Amino acid sequence: MAHLPMVEPNDEPVELKAVFEQLRQTRGRVPGMYRTLAHQPAVLTAHRAYFHAALDTGVLPRAFKEQVAFKVARLRGTAYCTGSHRSYALKHGVSAEQLDAIDRGDYSGLDARGVAAMELAEAMVGSRKGVADDVFAGLKKQFASNEIVELVSLVGIMELACSLAEVFGLDAD
């Protein structure tokens, strides 16, 4: 159960109109996370801008990034983020079977780029000491520098989103 009330559609702050419209366009709705963060418009605006840059735009395909986001959510065990990113992954063409395999750590259906991305997610979520050199070397074999920045940024913002969802007590939308 959510620890804070969510800002309802009829109470959306005027200064967040553009942010909420962008969410409706990219997500089809305004998720509970953003309705909670709306109590502090500057935080919501900054969070959304970072998330938009890491997930909605960039050079890597959205379906690929949703697989990574889903993996982070599962590693963190966050029902809110897992439900959201499972739904978005399915919407962007990832099959339920692919997501189930990723959840189990079975990466046999992924190409080398997919495996490297999942290993990055595991390393970042599983360690507070950074990513091992061999994991980073694997990334560099598969991805250009801008793609690595995009992946690391995505895993990082997903970690933050999972933490916020846990602290705010958000249930899956």
N, C-alpha and C. Protein backbone atom coordinates (compact mmCIF):
# COMPACT_ATOMS: atom_id res chain seq x y z
N MET A 1 0.84 -1.18 0.00
CA MET A 1 0.00 0.00 0.00
C MET A 1 0.89 1.25 0.00
N ALA A 2 0.53 2.19 -0.83
CA ALA A 2 1.33 3.40 -0.97
C ALA A 2 1.37 4.19 0.34
N HIS A 3 2.56 4.67 0.68
CA HIS A 3 2.74 5.44 1.90
C HIS A 3 2.33 6.90 1.76
N LEU A 4 2.29 7.38 0.53
CA LEU A 4 1.87 8.76 0.25
C LEU A 4 0.71 8.73 -0.75
N PRO A 5 -0.18 9.71 -0.66
CA PRO A 5 -1.24 9.77 -1.67
C PRO A 5 -0.63 10.17 -3.01
N MET A 6 -1.24 9.71 -4.07
CA MET A 6 -0.78 10.09 -5.41
C MET A 6 -1.56 11.31 -5.88
N VAL A 7 -0.89 12.16 -6.62
CA VAL A 7 -1.54 13.33 -7.19
C VAL A 7 -2.53 12.83 -8.25
N GLU A 8 -3.76 13.18 -8.07
CA GLU A 8 -4.83 12.72 -8.98
C GLU A 8 -4.85 13.58 -10.24
N PRO A 9 -5.40 13.03 -11.33
CA PRO A 9 -5.44 13.79 -12.60
C PRO A 9 -6.04 15.18 -12.48
N ASN A 10 -7.08 15.35 -11.68
CA ASN A 10 -7.70 16.67 -11.55
C ASN A 10 -6.90 17.62 -10.66
N ASP A 11 -5.83 17.11 -10.01
CA ASP A 11 -4.97 17.94 -9.16
C ASP A 11 -3.55 18.07 -9.70
N GLU A 12 -3.33 17.71 -10.95
CA GLU A 12 -1.98 17.77 -11.52
C GLU A 12 -1.49 19.22 -11.53
N PRO A 13 -0.31 19.46 -10.96
CA PRO A 13 0.23 20.82 -10.97
C PRO A 13 0.43 21.34 -12.40
N VAL A 14 0.10 22.58 -12.60
CA VAL A 14 0.21 23.20 -13.93
C VAL A 14 1.63 23.08 -14.47
N GLU A 15 2.64 23.27 -13.61
CA GLU A 15 4.02 23.23 -14.06
C GLU A 15 4.46 21.84 -14.53
N LEU A 16 3.64 20.81 -14.25
CA LEU A 16 3.97 19.45 -14.67
C LEU A 16 3.17 19.00 -15.91
N LYS A 17 2.39 19.91 -16.48
CA LYS A 17 1.56 19.55 -17.64
C LYS A 17 2.39 18.91 -18.75
N ALA A 18 3.52 19.49 -19.11
CA ALA A 18 4.35 18.95 -20.19
C ALA A 18 4.91 17.58 -19.83
N VAL A 19 5.31 17.39 -18.58
CA VAL A 19 5.85 16.10 -18.13
C VAL A 19 4.76 15.04 -18.21
N PHE A 20 3.58 15.35 -17.70
CA PHE A 20 2.49 14.37 -17.73
C PHE A 20 2.05 14.06 -19.16
N GLU A 21 2.06 15.04 -20.03
CA GLU A 21 1.70 14.79 -21.43
C GLU A 21 2.73 13.88 -22.09
N GLN A 22 4.01 14.11 -21.80
CA GLN A 22 5.06 13.24 -22.34
C GLN A 22 4.86 11.81 -21.84
N LEU A 23 4.52 11.65 -20.58
CA LEU A 23 4.27 10.31 -20.03
C LEU A 23 3.08 9.65 -20.72
N ARG A 24 2.04 10.40 -20.94
CA ARG A 24 0.87 9.83 -21.62
C ARG A 24 1.24 9.39 -23.04
N GLN A 25 2.12 10.15 -23.69
CA GLN A 25 2.53 9.80 -25.05
C GLN A 25 3.48 8.60 -25.06
N THR A 26 4.43 8.54 -24.15
CA THR A 26 5.42 7.47 -24.17
C THR A 26 4.98 6.23 -23.39
N ARG A 27 4.13 6.40 -22.39
CA ARG A 27 3.71 5.28 -21.55
C ARG A 27 2.22 4.94 -21.70
N GLY A 28 1.47 5.87 -22.28
CA GLY A 28 0.03 5.64 -22.40
C GLY A 28 -0.73 6.00 -21.14
N ARG A 29 -0.01 6.47 -20.12
CA ARG A 29 -0.62 6.81 -18.83
C ARG A 29 0.41 7.54 -17.98
N VAL A 30 -0.01 8.00 -16.82
CA VAL A 30 0.92 8.57 -15.85
C VAL A 30 1.05 7.54 -14.72
N PRO A 31 2.16 6.81 -14.68
CA PRO A 31 2.34 5.77 -13.66
C PRO A 31 2.35 6.34 -12.23
N GLY A 32 2.06 5.47 -11.29
CA GLY A 32 2.01 5.84 -9.88
C GLY A 32 3.28 6.48 -9.36
N MET A 33 4.44 6.03 -9.85
CA MET A 33 5.71 6.62 -9.41
C MET A 33 5.70 8.13 -9.67
N TYR A 34 5.25 8.52 -10.86
CA TYR A 34 5.27 9.93 -11.22
C TYR A 34 4.17 10.70 -10.50
N ARG A 35 3.07 10.06 -10.21
CA ARG A 35 2.00 10.71 -9.45
C ARG A 35 2.45 10.93 -8.00
N THR A 36 3.34 10.09 -7.50
CA THR A 36 3.88 10.28 -6.16
C THR A 36 4.95 11.37 -6.17
N LEU A 37 5.87 11.31 -7.13
CA LEU A 37 6.92 12.32 -7.22
C LEU A 37 6.37 13.70 -7.52
N ALA A 38 5.14 13.77 -8.03
CA ALA A 38 4.53 15.06 -8.38
C ALA A 38 4.34 15.97 -7.16
N HIS A 39 4.43 15.42 -5.96
CA HIS A 39 4.36 16.26 -4.77
C HIS A 39 5.55 17.22 -4.70
N GLN A 40 6.61 16.89 -5.42
CA GLN A 40 7.79 17.76 -5.49
C GLN A 40 8.13 17.92 -6.99
N PRO A 41 7.51 18.90 -7.65
CA PRO A 41 7.64 19.04 -9.11
C PRO A 41 9.06 19.08 -9.64
N ALA A 42 9.99 19.72 -8.94
CA ALA A 42 11.37 19.78 -9.43
C ALA A 42 12.00 18.39 -9.47
N VAL A 43 11.71 17.58 -8.46
CA VAL A 43 12.25 16.21 -8.43
C VAL A 43 11.63 15.38 -9.56
N LEU A 44 10.32 15.48 -9.71
CA LEU A 44 9.66 14.74 -10.78
C LEU A 44 10.21 15.14 -12.15
N THR A 45 10.36 16.42 -12.39
CA THR A 45 10.85 16.90 -13.68
C THR A 45 12.25 16.35 -13.97
N ALA A 46 13.12 16.40 -12.99
CA ALA A 46 14.49 15.90 -13.16
C ALA A 46 14.50 14.39 -13.35
N HIS A 47 13.73 13.67 -12.54
CA HIS A 47 13.66 12.21 -12.63
C HIS A 47 13.16 11.80 -14.02
N ARG A 48 12.10 12.43 -14.46
CA ARG A 48 11.51 12.09 -15.75
C ARG A 48 12.47 12.40 -16.89
N ALA A 49 13.16 13.52 -16.83
CA ALA A 49 14.10 13.88 -17.89
C ALA A 49 15.21 12.82 -18.00
N TYR A 50 15.73 12.39 -16.86
CA TYR A 50 16.78 11.37 -16.87
C TYR A 50 16.24 10.05 -17.39
N PHE A 51 15.08 9.64 -16.90
CA PHE A 51 14.48 8.37 -17.32
C PHE A 51 14.18 8.40 -18.81
N HIS A 52 13.65 9.53 -19.29
CA HIS A 52 13.33 9.68 -20.71
C HIS A 52 14.59 9.53 -21.56
N ALA A 53 15.68 10.16 -21.14
CA ALA A 53 16.94 10.07 -21.89
C ALA A 53 17.49 8.66 -21.90
N ALA A 54 17.38 7.96 -20.78
CA ALA A 54 17.95 6.61 -20.67
C ALA A 54 17.08 5.53 -21.31
N LEU A 55 15.78 5.70 -21.31
CA LEU A 55 14.89 4.62 -21.76
C LEU A 55 14.15 4.93 -23.05
N ASP A 56 13.57 6.10 -23.15
CA ASP A 56 12.68 6.40 -24.28
C ASP A 56 13.42 6.86 -25.53
N THR A 57 14.62 7.39 -25.37
CA THR A 57 15.38 7.91 -26.51
C THR A 57 16.72 7.20 -26.55
N GLY A 58 17.59 7.63 -27.41
CA GLY A 58 18.93 7.06 -27.48
C GLY A 58 19.11 6.18 -28.70
N VAL A 59 20.20 5.43 -28.69
CA VAL A 59 20.58 4.64 -29.86
C VAL A 59 20.17 3.18 -29.76
N LEU A 60 19.97 2.67 -28.58
CA LEU A 60 19.59 1.26 -28.42
C LEU A 60 18.08 1.11 -28.56
N PRO A 61 17.63 -0.01 -29.14
CA PRO A 61 16.19 -0.22 -29.32
C PRO A 61 15.44 -0.30 -27.99
N ARG A 62 14.25 0.22 -27.99
CA ARG A 62 13.44 0.25 -26.77
C ARG A 62 13.19 -1.15 -26.22
N ALA A 63 12.89 -2.11 -27.08
CA ALA A 63 12.64 -3.48 -26.60
C ALA A 63 13.85 -4.03 -25.85
N PHE A 64 15.03 -3.76 -26.38
CA PHE A 64 16.27 -4.20 -25.75
C PHE A 64 16.40 -3.57 -24.37
N LYS A 65 16.15 -2.27 -24.30
CA LYS A 65 16.28 -1.56 -23.01
C LYS A 65 15.21 -2.02 -22.02
N GLU A 66 14.03 -2.37 -22.51
CA GLU A 66 13.00 -2.88 -21.60
C GLU A 66 13.39 -4.23 -21.01
N GLN A 67 14.11 -5.04 -21.78
CA GLN A 67 14.60 -6.31 -21.23
C GLN A 67 15.57 -6.04 -20.08
N VAL A 68 16.44 -5.06 -20.27
CA VAL A 68 17.40 -4.70 -19.22
C VAL A 68 16.66 -4.13 -18.01
N ALA A 69 15.71 -3.24 -18.24
CA ALA A 69 14.93 -2.65 -17.15
C ALA A 69 14.20 -3.73 -16.37
N PHE A 70 13.61 -4.68 -17.09
CA PHE A 70 12.91 -5.80 -16.44
C PHE A 70 13.88 -6.61 -15.58
N LYS A 71 15.08 -6.88 -16.09
CA LYS A 71 16.06 -7.65 -15.33
C LYS A 71 16.44 -6.94 -14.04
N VAL A 72 16.67 -5.64 -14.12
CA VAL A 72 17.00 -4.88 -12.91
C VAL A 72 15.85 -4.97 -11.90
N ALA A 73 14.63 -4.79 -12.38
CA ALA A 73 13.47 -4.87 -11.48
C ALA A 73 13.37 -6.23 -10.81
N ARG A 74 13.63 -7.29 -11.57
CA ARG A 74 13.57 -8.65 -11.00
C ARG A 74 14.70 -8.86 -10.00
N LEU A 75 15.90 -8.38 -10.34
CA LEU A 75 17.01 -8.52 -9.41
C LEU A 75 16.74 -7.78 -8.11
N ARG A 76 16.08 -6.65 -8.20
CA ARG A 76 15.73 -5.88 -7.01
C ARG A 76 14.50 -6.44 -6.31
N GLY A 77 13.72 -7.26 -6.99
CA GLY A 77 12.53 -7.85 -6.39
C GLY A 77 11.41 -6.85 -6.15
N THR A 78 11.33 -5.86 -7.01
CA THR A 78 10.34 -4.79 -6.85
C THR A 78 9.12 -5.07 -7.71
N ALA A 79 7.99 -5.35 -7.07
CA ALA A 79 6.77 -5.68 -7.81
C ALA A 79 6.33 -4.53 -8.70
N TYR A 80 6.41 -3.30 -8.21
CA TYR A 80 5.98 -2.15 -8.99
C TYR A 80 6.78 -2.05 -10.29
N CYS A 81 8.10 -2.05 -10.20
CA CYS A 81 8.95 -1.91 -11.39
C CYS A 81 8.87 -3.15 -12.28
N THR A 82 8.79 -4.32 -11.67
CA THR A 82 8.68 -5.54 -12.46
C THR A 82 7.41 -5.51 -13.30
N GLY A 83 6.29 -5.18 -12.67
CA GLY A 83 5.02 -5.14 -13.40
C GLY A 83 5.04 -4.12 -14.52
N SER A 84 5.56 -2.93 -14.22
CA SER A 84 5.61 -1.87 -15.23
C SER A 84 6.47 -2.27 -16.42
N HIS A 85 7.68 -2.75 -16.15
CA HIS A 85 8.60 -3.01 -17.25
C HIS A 85 8.34 -4.33 -17.95
N ARG A 86 7.66 -5.25 -17.30
CA ARG A 86 7.18 -6.45 -18.00
C ARG A 86 6.13 -6.01 -19.03
N SER A 87 5.22 -5.17 -18.59
CA SER A 87 4.16 -4.68 -19.48
C SER A 87 4.74 -3.90 -20.66
N TYR A 88 5.69 -3.00 -20.37
CA TYR A 88 6.30 -2.20 -21.45
C TYR A 88 7.10 -3.10 -22.40
N ALA A 89 7.80 -4.08 -21.87
CA ALA A 89 8.57 -4.99 -22.73
C ALA A 89 7.64 -5.75 -23.67
N LEU A 90 6.54 -6.26 -23.13
CA LEU A 90 5.58 -6.96 -23.97
C LEU A 90 5.02 -6.03 -25.04
N LYS A 91 4.72 -4.80 -24.66
CA LYS A 91 4.19 -3.81 -25.60
C LYS A 91 5.18 -3.52 -26.73
N HIS A 92 6.48 -3.63 -26.42
CA HIS A 92 7.51 -3.33 -27.41
C HIS A 92 8.05 -4.58 -28.11
N GLY A 93 7.31 -5.68 -28.02
CA GLY A 93 7.62 -6.86 -28.82
C GLY A 93 8.44 -7.95 -28.18
N VAL A 94 8.76 -7.83 -26.91
CA VAL A 94 9.47 -8.89 -26.20
C VAL A 94 8.42 -9.92 -25.78
N SER A 95 8.70 -11.19 -25.97
CA SER A 95 7.72 -12.22 -25.62
C SER A 95 7.78 -12.55 -24.13
N ALA A 96 6.68 -13.09 -23.64
CA ALA A 96 6.62 -13.52 -22.24
C ALA A 96 7.66 -14.61 -21.99
N GLU A 97 7.90 -15.46 -22.97
CA GLU A 97 8.89 -16.53 -22.83
C GLU A 97 10.29 -15.95 -22.69
N GLN A 98 10.60 -14.91 -23.47
CA GLN A 98 11.90 -14.25 -23.36
C GLN A 98 12.08 -13.64 -21.97
N LEU A 99 11.05 -12.98 -21.47
CA LEU A 99 11.14 -12.38 -20.14
C LEU A 99 11.29 -13.43 -19.05
N ASP A 100 10.58 -14.53 -19.18
CA ASP A 100 10.70 -15.61 -18.20
C ASP A 100 12.12 -16.18 -18.19
N ALA A 101 12.70 -16.32 -19.38
CA ALA A 101 14.08 -16.82 -19.46
C ALA A 101 15.05 -15.83 -18.82
N ILE A 102 14.87 -14.55 -19.12
CA ILE A 102 15.73 -13.51 -18.52
C ILE A 102 15.60 -13.54 -17.00
N ASP A 103 14.39 -13.71 -16.52
CA ASP A 103 14.15 -13.77 -15.07
C ASP A 103 14.91 -14.94 -14.44
N ARG A 104 14.96 -16.06 -15.14
CA ARG A 104 15.67 -17.24 -14.63
C ARG A 104 17.18 -17.15 -14.80
N GLY A 105 17.65 -16.14 -15.52
CA GLY A 105 19.08 -16.04 -15.80
C GLY A 105 19.50 -16.91 -16.97
N ASP A 106 18.54 -17.36 -17.76
CA ASP A 106 18.81 -18.16 -18.96
C ASP A 106 18.93 -17.20 -20.14
N TYR A 107 20.15 -16.92 -20.54
CA TYR A 107 20.41 -15.96 -21.60
C TYR A 107 20.72 -16.63 -22.93
N SER A 108 20.41 -17.94 -23.04
CA SER A 108 20.74 -18.68 -24.26
C SER A 108 19.99 -18.15 -25.48
N GLY A 109 18.88 -17.49 -25.29
CA GLY A 109 18.13 -16.93 -26.41
C GLY A 109 18.58 -15.53 -26.80
N LEU A 110 19.55 -14.98 -26.09
CA LEU A 110 20.03 -13.63 -26.37
C LEU A 110 21.30 -13.68 -27.20
N ASP A 111 21.53 -12.63 -27.97
CA ASP A 111 22.80 -12.52 -28.68
C ASP A 111 23.87 -12.02 -27.70
N ALA A 112 25.09 -11.88 -28.21
CA ALA A 112 26.21 -11.49 -27.33
C ALA A 112 25.98 -10.13 -26.68
N ARG A 113 25.32 -9.21 -27.39
CA ARG A 113 25.02 -7.90 -26.81
C ARG A 113 24.04 -8.03 -25.66
N GLY A 114 23.03 -8.85 -25.84
CA GLY A 114 22.04 -9.07 -24.79
C GLY A 114 22.66 -9.69 -23.55
N VAL A 115 23.52 -10.68 -23.76
CA VAL A 115 24.20 -11.33 -22.63
C VAL A 115 25.07 -10.30 -21.89
N ALA A 116 25.83 -9.50 -22.63
CA ALA A 116 26.68 -8.49 -21.99
C ALA A 116 25.85 -7.50 -21.19
N ALA A 117 24.70 -7.10 -21.72
CA ALA A 117 23.83 -6.16 -21.01
C ALA A 117 23.27 -6.78 -19.73
N MET A 118 22.89 -8.04 -19.78
CA MET A 118 22.37 -8.71 -18.58
C MET A 118 23.47 -8.88 -17.53
N GLU A 119 24.68 -9.18 -17.99
CA GLU A 119 25.80 -9.29 -17.06
C GLU A 119 26.10 -7.94 -16.40
N LEU A 120 25.97 -6.87 -17.17
CA LEU A 120 26.13 -5.53 -16.58
C LEU A 120 25.07 -5.30 -15.51
N ALA A 121 23.82 -5.60 -15.82
CA ALA A 121 22.73 -5.41 -14.84
C ALA A 121 23.01 -6.20 -13.57
N GLU A 122 23.40 -7.46 -13.73
CA GLU A 122 23.70 -8.28 -12.56
C GLU A 122 24.84 -7.70 -11.75
N ALA A 123 25.88 -7.23 -12.43
CA ALA A 123 27.04 -6.68 -11.73
C ALA A 123 26.71 -5.39 -11.00
N MET A 124 25.95 -4.51 -11.66
CA MET A 124 25.62 -3.24 -11.03
C MET A 124 24.67 -3.41 -9.86
N VAL A 125 23.68 -4.28 -9.99
CA VAL A 125 22.72 -4.48 -8.91
C VAL A 125 23.33 -5.30 -7.78
N GLY A 126 24.19 -6.23 -8.13
CA GLY A 126 24.73 -7.15 -7.14
C GLY A 126 25.92 -6.64 -6.35
N SER A 127 26.49 -5.52 -6.75
CA SER A 127 27.71 -5.05 -6.09
C SER A 127 27.67 -3.56 -5.87
N ARG A 128 28.12 -3.14 -4.74
CA ARG A 128 28.25 -1.71 -4.46
C ARG A 128 29.69 -1.26 -4.69
N LYS A 129 30.50 -2.16 -5.25
CA LYS A 129 31.91 -1.86 -5.45
C LYS A 129 32.24 -1.59 -6.92
N GLY A 130 31.24 -1.46 -7.75
CA GLY A 130 31.49 -1.21 -9.16
C GLY A 130 31.39 -2.46 -9.99
N VAL A 131 31.69 -2.33 -11.25
CA VAL A 131 31.60 -3.42 -12.21
C VAL A 131 33.00 -3.96 -12.45
N ALA A 132 33.14 -5.27 -12.37
CA ALA A 132 34.45 -5.89 -12.57
C ALA A 132 35.00 -5.57 -13.96
N ASP A 133 36.31 -5.55 -14.05
CA ASP A 133 36.97 -5.22 -15.31
C ASP A 133 36.56 -6.16 -16.44
N ASP A 134 36.40 -7.45 -16.15
CA ASP A 134 36.05 -8.39 -17.21
C ASP A 134 34.64 -8.13 -17.74
N VAL A 135 33.72 -7.72 -16.88
CA VAL A 135 32.36 -7.39 -17.32
C VAL A 135 32.41 -6.15 -18.20
N PHE A 136 33.17 -5.16 -17.79
CA PHE A 136 33.27 -3.94 -18.58
C PHE A 136 33.98 -4.21 -19.91
N ALA A 137 34.99 -5.07 -19.89
CA ALA A 137 35.67 -5.43 -21.14
C ALA A 137 34.69 -6.12 -22.10
N GLY A 138 33.81 -6.95 -21.55
CA GLY A 138 32.78 -7.59 -22.38
C GLY A 138 31.84 -6.58 -23.00
N LEU A 139 31.50 -5.55 -22.24
CA LEU A 139 30.65 -4.47 -22.78
C LEU A 139 31.35 -3.77 -23.94
N LYS A 140 32.62 -3.48 -23.74
CA LYS A 140 33.37 -2.73 -24.76
C LYS A 140 33.53 -3.53 -26.06
N LYS A 141 33.49 -4.85 -25.97
CA LYS A 141 33.55 -5.68 -27.19
C LYS A 141 32.23 -5.60 -27.97
N GLN A 142 31.14 -5.34 -27.27
CA GLN A 142 29.82 -5.41 -27.90
C GLN A 142 29.18 -4.07 -28.20
N PHE A 143 29.60 -3.02 -27.48
CA PHE A 143 28.91 -1.74 -27.57
C PHE A 143 29.88 -0.59 -27.77
N ALA A 144 29.41 0.43 -28.47
CA ALA A 144 30.14 1.69 -28.60
C ALA A 144 30.03 2.45 -27.28
N SER A 145 30.88 3.43 -27.09
CA SER A 145 30.90 4.20 -25.84
C SER A 145 29.54 4.82 -25.53
N ASN A 146 28.88 5.42 -26.53
CA ASN A 146 27.58 6.04 -26.26
C ASN A 146 26.54 5.00 -25.84
N GLU A 147 26.63 3.80 -26.38
CA GLU A 147 25.70 2.74 -25.98
C GLU A 147 25.98 2.27 -24.55
N ILE A 148 27.24 2.22 -24.17
CA ILE A 148 27.60 1.83 -22.80
C ILE A 148 27.07 2.86 -21.81
N VAL A 149 27.25 4.14 -22.15
CA VAL A 149 26.72 5.19 -21.27
C VAL A 149 25.20 5.04 -21.14
N GLU A 150 24.53 4.75 -22.24
CA GLU A 150 23.08 4.56 -22.21
C GLU A 150 22.68 3.39 -21.33
N LEU A 151 23.38 2.26 -21.46
CA LEU A 151 23.07 1.08 -20.65
C LEU A 151 23.33 1.31 -19.16
N VAL A 152 24.50 1.85 -18.85
CA VAL A 152 24.83 2.10 -17.43
C VAL A 152 23.84 3.10 -16.84
N SER A 153 23.48 4.11 -17.60
CA SER A 153 22.50 5.10 -17.13
C SER A 153 21.14 4.46 -16.90
N LEU A 154 20.74 3.57 -17.80
CA LEU A 154 19.46 2.87 -17.64
C LEU A 154 19.46 2.02 -16.37
N VAL A 155 20.50 1.23 -16.18
CA VAL A 155 20.55 0.40 -14.97
C VAL A 155 20.55 1.28 -13.73
N GLY A 156 21.28 2.37 -13.77
CA GLY A 156 21.32 3.28 -12.62
C GLY A 156 19.97 3.90 -12.30
N ILE A 157 19.27 4.38 -13.31
CA ILE A 157 17.96 5.00 -13.05
C ILE A 157 16.94 3.94 -12.65
N MET A 158 17.09 2.73 -13.15
CA MET A 158 16.20 1.65 -12.71
C MET A 158 16.45 1.31 -11.24
N GLU A 159 17.70 1.32 -10.84
CA GLU A 159 18.01 1.09 -9.42
C GLU A 159 17.33 2.15 -8.56
N LEU A 160 17.42 3.41 -8.98
CA LEU A 160 16.77 4.49 -8.25
C LEU A 160 15.26 4.29 -8.23
N ALA A 161 14.68 3.99 -9.37
CA ALA A 161 13.23 3.80 -9.45
C ALA A 161 12.78 2.66 -8.54
N CYS A 162 13.53 1.58 -8.51
CA CYS A 162 13.19 0.46 -7.63
C CYS A 162 13.27 0.87 -6.16
N SER A 163 14.29 1.63 -5.81
CA SER A 163 14.42 2.11 -4.43
C SER A 163 13.24 3.00 -4.06
N LEU A 164 12.90 3.94 -4.95
CA LEU A 164 11.77 4.82 -4.67
C LEU A 164 10.47 4.03 -4.53
N ALA A 165 10.24 3.09 -5.42
CA ALA A 165 9.02 2.28 -5.35
C ALA A 165 8.92 1.53 -4.03
N GLU A 166 10.06 0.99 -3.57
CA GLU A 166 10.07 0.28 -2.29
C GLU A 166 9.77 1.22 -1.13
N VAL A 167 10.45 2.35 -1.09
CA VAL A 167 10.28 3.29 0.02
C VAL A 167 8.85 3.87 0.03
N PHE A 168 8.32 4.20 -1.14
CA PHE A 168 6.96 4.77 -1.21
C PHE A 168 5.88 3.69 -1.07
N GLY A 169 6.26 2.42 -1.07
CA GLY A 169 5.29 1.34 -0.92
C GLY A 169 4.35 1.21 -2.12
N LEU A 170 4.88 1.44 -3.31
CA LEU A 170 4.04 1.41 -4.50
C LEU A 170 3.70 -0.02 -4.91
N ASP A 171 2.44 -0.24 -5.20
CA ASP A 171 2.00 -1.53 -5.74
C ASP A 171 2.07 -1.46 -7.25
N ALA A 172 2.14 -2.59 -7.88
CA ALA A 172 2.16 -2.64 -9.35
C ALA A 172 0.92 -1.93 -9.88
N ASP A 173 1.13 -1.11 -10.91
CA ASP A 173 0.01 -0.37 -11.53
C ASP A 173 -0.88 -1.34 -12.29
